């Protein structure tokens, strides 16, 4: 059985959970209200926009987004219906599928990015000092790698 958290550990954990959920909710609500895109839509488009040829195998995309195979399939199918991405056979082997960011998807991302940045700055970046941002980056990089 796991050892109970100390008061300081409990405070840190609860502050992290409650604040991160609230931040994600604000980001999601603002992005959707301003652009009609969800955070999942946005994140998919960012990852694809940075990939060679704006395309990735579905499994690799799922891994980068920390999505299950069924969740990435549902997400991409939703985005295909809206013209933001395409699903195409992998050119190397033809068996797998790739998600490809369309020109329409790239335009949507380029339109959404400045609006999203305002919320990111207002709700997170501009509330912290540079040394605090460095600590956050270092801590969560360590957690992510674990």
C-alpha atoms as a PDB file:
ATOM      1  CA  UNK A   1       0.000   0.000   0.000  1.00  0.00           C
ATOM      2  CA  UNK A   2       1.260   3.475  -0.838  1.00  0.00           C
ATOM      3  CA  UNK A   3       2.393   5.744   1.936  1.00  0.00           C
ATOM      4  CA  UNK A   4      -0.064   8.594   2.646  1.00  0.00           C
ATOM      5  CA  UNK A   5       0.863  12.032   1.387  1.00  0.00           C
ATOM      6  CA  UNK A   6       2.233  14.566   3.822  1.00  0.00           C
ATOM      7  CA  UNK A   7       0.321  17.817   4.215  1.00  0.00           C
ATOM      8  CA  UNK A   8       2.800  19.595   1.926  1.00  0.00           C
ATOM      9  CA  UNK A   9       2.615  16.826  -0.676  1.00  0.00           C
ATOM     10  CA  UNK A  10      -1.189  16.841  -0.525  1.00  0.00           C
ATOM     11  CA  UNK A  11      -1.275  20.625  -0.940  1.00  0.00           C
ATOM     12  CA  UNK A  12       1.088  20.482  -3.930  1.00  0.00           C
ATOM     13  CA  UNK A  13      -0.865  17.655  -5.559  1.00  0.00           C
ATOM     14  CA  UNK A  14      -4.283  19.270  -5.060  1.00  0.00           C
ATOM     15  CA  UNK A  15      -3.033  22.658  -6.245  1.00  0.00           C
ATOM     16  CA  UNK A  16      -1.598  21.058  -9.382  1.00  0.00           C
ATOM     17  CA  UNK A  17      -4.727  19.031 -10.195  1.00  0.00           C
ATOM     18  CA  UNK A  18      -7.249  21.780  -9.520  1.00  0.00           C
ATOM     19  CA  UNK A  19      -5.242  24.474 -11.290  1.00  0.00           C
ATOM     20  CA  UNK A  20      -4.385  22.361 -14.334  1.00  0.00           C
ATOM     21  CA  UNK A  21      -8.031  21.324 -14.782  1.00  0.00           C
ATOM     22  CA  UNK A  22      -9.184  24.926 -14.464  1.00  0.00           C
ATOM     23  CA  UNK A  23      -6.507  26.122 -16.911  1.00  0.00           C
ATOM     24  CA  UNK A  24      -7.420  23.447 -19.452  1.00  0.00           C
ATOM     25  CA  UNK A  25     -11.110  24.361 -19.116  1.00  0.00           C
ATOM     26  CA  UNK A  26     -10.365  28.058 -19.743  1.00  0.00           C
ATOM     27  CA  UNK A  27      -8.163  27.232 -22.735  1.00  0.00           C
ATOM     28  CA  UNK A  28     -10.794  24.892 -24.184  1.00  0.00           C
ATOM     29  CA  UNK A  29     -13.692  27.297 -23.629  1.00  0.00           C
ATOM     30  CA  UNK A  30     -11.863  30.315 -25.076  1.00  0.00           C
ATOM     31  CA  UNK A  31     -10.527  28.421 -28.093  1.00  0.00           C
ATOM     32  CA  UNK A  32     -13.909  26.890 -28.899  1.00  0.00           C
ATOM     33  CA  UNK A  33     -15.745  30.214 -28.465  1.00  0.00           C
ATOM     34  CA  UNK A  34     -13.294  32.120 -30.664  1.00  0.00           C
ATOM     35  CA  UNK A  35     -12.562  29.530 -33.356  1.00  0.00           C
ATOM     36  CA  UNK A  36     -14.944  26.587 -33.087  1.00  0.00           C
ATOM     37  CA  UNK A  37     -11.935  24.312 -32.530  1.00  0.00           C
ATOM     38  CA  UNK A  38     -11.384  22.075 -29.534  1.00  0.00           C
ATOM     39  CA  UNK A  39      -8.038  21.770 -27.781  1.00  0.00           C
ATOM     40  CA  UNK A  40      -7.745  18.280 -29.311  1.00  0.00           C
ATOM     41  CA  UNK A  41      -8.331  19.729 -32.804  1.00  0.00           C
ATOM     42  CA  UNK A  42      -5.732  22.407 -32.152  1.00  0.00           C
ATOM     43  CA  UNK A  43      -3.140  20.020 -30.748  1.00  0.00           C
ATOM     44  CA  UNK A  44      -3.559  17.594 -33.671  1.00  0.00           C
ATOM     45  CA  UNK A  45      -3.106  20.448 -36.142  1.00  0.00           C
ATOM     46  CA  UNK A  46      -0.020  21.791 -34.341  1.00  0.00           C
ATOM     47  CA  UNK A  47       1.659  18.373 -34.328  1.00  0.00           C
ATOM     48  CA  UNK A  48       0.796  17.744 -37.995  1.00  0.00           C
ATOM     49  CA  UNK A  49       1.912  21.241 -39.027  1.00  0.00           C
ATOM     50  CA  UNK A  50       5.362  20.519 -37.582  1.00  0.00           C
ATOM     51  CA  UNK A  51       5.695  17.088 -39.235  1.00  0.00           C
ATOM     52  CA  UNK A  52       7.443  16.586 -42.585  1.00  0.00           C
ATOM     53  CA  UNK A  53       4.863  17.003 -45.325  1.00  0.00           C
ATOM     54  CA  UNK A  54       2.292  17.856 -42.607  1.00  0.00           C
ATOM     55  CA  UNK A  55       1.627  14.118 -42.222  1.00  0.00           C
ATOM     56  CA  UNK A  56       2.119  11.396 -39.621  1.00  0.00           C
ATOM     57  CA  UNK A  57       1.161   7.759 -39.239  1.00  0.00           C
ATOM     58  CA  UNK A  58      -1.895   7.449 -37.034  1.00  0.00           C
ATOM     59  CA  UNK A  59       0.010   5.428 -34.430  1.00  0.00           C
ATOM     60  CA  UNK A  60       2.800   7.987 -34.202  1.00  0.00           C
ATOM     61  CA  UNK A  61       0.283  10.832 -33.926  1.00  0.00           C
ATOM     62  CA  UNK A  62      -1.566   8.954 -31.165  1.00  0.00           C
ATOM     63  CA  UNK A  63       1.716   8.465 -29.308  1.00  0.00           C
ATOM     64  CA  UNK A  64       2.644  12.135 -29.490  1.00  0.00           C
ATOM     65  CA  UNK A  65      -0.794  13.207 -28.288  1.00  0.00           C
ATOM     66  CA  UNK A  66      -1.013  10.411 -25.681  1.00  0.00           C
ATOM     67  CA  UNK A  67      -4.258   9.175 -27.281  1.00  0.00           C
ATOM     68  CA  UNK A  68      -5.461   5.580 -27.499  1.00  0.00           C
ATOM     69  CA  UNK A  69      -5.850   4.119 -31.012  1.00  0.00           C
ATOM     70  CA  UNK A  70      -9.639   4.420 -30.794  1.00  0.00           C
ATOM     71  CA  UNK A  71      -9.458   7.991 -29.541  1.00  0.00           C
ATOM     72  CA  UNK A  72      -7.128   9.119 -32.355  1.00  0.00           C
ATOM     73  CA  UNK A  73      -9.376   7.407 -34.910  1.00  0.00           C
ATOM     74  CA  UNK A  74     -12.437   9.195 -33.532  1.00  0.00           C
ATOM     75  CA  UNK A  75     -10.596  12.549 -33.425  1.00  0.00           C
ATOM     76  CA  UNK A  76      -9.229  12.275 -36.959  1.00  0.00           C
ATOM     77  CA  UNK A  77     -12.560  11.089 -38.388  1.00  0.00           C
ATOM     78  CA  UNK A  78     -14.226  14.135 -36.828  1.00  0.00           C
ATOM     79  CA  UNK A  79     -11.605  16.421 -38.360  1.00  0.00           C
ATOM     80  CA  UNK A  80     -11.876  14.709 -41.773  1.00  0.00           C
ATOM     81  CA  UNK A  81     -15.608  15.542 -41.830  1.00  0.00           C
ATOM     82  CA  UNK A  82     -14.722  19.217 -41.323  1.00  0.00           C
ATOM     83  CA  UNK A  83     -12.000  19.246 -43.987  1.00  0.00           C
ATOM     84  CA  UNK A  84      -9.175  19.917 -41.517  1.00  0.00           C
ATOM     85  CA  UNK A  85      -7.286  16.681 -42.171  1.00  0.00           C
ATOM     86  CA  UNK A  86      -7.274  13.761 -44.591  1.00  0.00           C
ATOM     87  CA  UNK A  87      -6.639  10.080 -43.944  1.00  0.00           C
ATOM     88  CA  UNK A  88      -4.421   8.495 -46.565  1.00  0.00           C
ATOM     89  CA  UNK A  89      -2.629   5.169 -46.924  1.00  0.00           C
ATOM     90  CA  UNK A  90       1.025   5.270 -45.898  1.00  0.00           C
ATOM     91  CA  UNK A  91       3.143   5.640 -49.047  1.00  0.00           C
ATOM     92  CA  UNK A  92       5.875   3.321 -47.682  1.00  0.00           C
ATOM     93  CA  UNK A  93       3.771   0.208 -47.122  1.00  0.00           C
ATOM     94  CA  UNK A  94       0.150   1.016 -47.977  1.00  0.00           C
ATOM     95  CA  UNK A  95      -1.110  -0.887 -44.924  1.00  0.00           C
ATOM     96  CA  UNK A  96      -1.098   1.874 -42.344  1.00  0.00           C
ATOM     97  CA  UNK A  97      -2.956   5.159 -42.402  1.00  0.00           C
ATOM     98  CA  UNK A  98      -1.561   8.659 -42.160  1.00  0.00           C
ATOM     99  CA  UNK A  99      -3.273  11.816 -40.989  1.00  0.00           C
ATOM    100  CA  UNK A 100      -2.504  14.738 -43.289  1.00  0.00           C
ATOM    101  CA  UNK A 101      -3.152  18.375 -42.433  1.00  0.00           C
ATOM    102  CA  UNK A 102      -5.088  19.978 -45.311  1.00  0.00           C
ATOM    103  CA  UNK A 103      -4.589  23.509 -46.563  1.00  0.00           C
ATOM    104  CA  UNK A 104      -7.933  24.322 -44.926  1.00  0.00           C
ATOM    105  CA  UNK A 105      -6.647  22.868 -41.648  1.00  0.00           C
ATOM    106  CA  UNK A 106      -3.436  24.878 -41.885  1.00  0.00           C
ATOM    107  CA  UNK A 107      -5.447  28.048 -42.516  1.00  0.00           C
ATOM    108  CA  UNK A 108      -7.651  27.273 -39.497  1.00  0.00           C
ATOM    109  CA  UNK A 109      -4.547  26.724 -37.347  1.00  0.00           C
ATOM    110  CA  UNK A 110      -2.924  29.946 -38.535  1.00  0.00           C
ATOM    111  CA  UNK A 111      -6.133  31.851 -37.748  1.00  0.00           C
ATOM    112  CA  UNK A 112      -6.572  30.243 -34.335  1.00  0.00           C
ATOM    113  CA  UNK A 113      -2.965  30.500 -33.128  1.00  0.00           C
ATOM    114  CA  UNK A 114      -2.884  34.246 -32.369  1.00  0.00           C
ATOM    115  CA  UNK A 115      -6.233  34.057 -30.552  1.00  0.00           C
ATOM    116  CA  UNK A 116      -5.123  31.027 -28.545  1.00  0.00           C
ATOM    117  CA  UNK A 117      -1.847  32.744 -27.684  1.00  0.00           C
ATOM    118  CA  UNK A 118      -3.750  35.600 -26.024  1.00  0.00           C
ATOM    119  CA  UNK A 119      -5.429  33.110 -23.674  1.00  0.00           C
ATOM    120  CA  UNK A 120      -2.190  31.196 -23.020  1.00  0.00           C
ATOM    121  CA  UNK A 121      -0.411  34.434 -22.120  1.00  0.00           C
ATOM    122  CA  UNK A 122      -3.280  35.810 -20.036  1.00  0.00           C
ATOM    123  CA  UNK A 123      -4.017  32.624 -18.106  1.00  0.00           C
ATOM    124  CA  UNK A 124      -0.472  31.275 -17.707  1.00  0.00           C
ATOM    125  CA  UNK A 125       2.706  32.807 -19.190  1.00  0.00           C
ATOM    126  CA  UNK A 126       2.246  36.428 -18.124  1.00  0.00           C
ATOM    127  CA  UNK A 127       1.344  35.446 -14.544  1.00  0.00           C
ATOM    128  CA  UNK A 128       4.757  33.882 -13.941  1.00  0.00           C
ATOM    129  CA  UNK A 129       8.338  35.102 -13.686  1.00  0.00           C
ATOM    130  CA  UNK A 130      10.950  33.706 -16.097  1.00  0.00           C
ATOM    131  CA  UNK A 131      12.585  31.661 -13.323  1.00  0.00           C
ATOM    132  CA  UNK A 132       9.184  30.166 -12.412  1.00  0.00           C
ATOM    133  CA  UNK A 133       8.604  29.170 -16.037  1.00  0.00           C
ATOM    134  CA  UNK A 134      12.025  27.510 -16.073  1.00  0.00           C
ATOM    135  CA  UNK A 135      11.162  25.496 -12.943  1.00  0.00           C
ATOM    136  CA  UNK A 136       7.823  24.430 -14.451  1.00  0.00           C
ATOM    137  CA  UNK A 137       9.517  23.362 -17.691  1.00  0.00           C
ATOM    138  CA  UNK A 138      12.187  21.407 -15.811  1.00  0.00           C
ATOM    139  CA  UNK A 139       9.723  19.740 -13.416  1.00  0.00           C
ATOM    140  CA  UNK A 140       7.224  18.660 -16.040  1.00  0.00           C
ATOM    141  CA  UNK A 141       9.908  17.483 -18.411  1.00  0.00           C
ATOM    142  CA  UNK A 142      11.092  15.235 -15.583  1.00  0.00           C
ATOM    143  CA  UNK A 143       7.539  13.981 -14.915  1.00  0.00           C
ATOM    144  CA  UNK A 144       6.903  13.380 -18.635  1.00  0.00           C
ATOM    145  CA  UNK A 145      10.082  11.324 -19.007  1.00  0.00           C
ATOM    146  CA  UNK A 146       9.296   9.124 -15.993  1.00  0.00           C
END
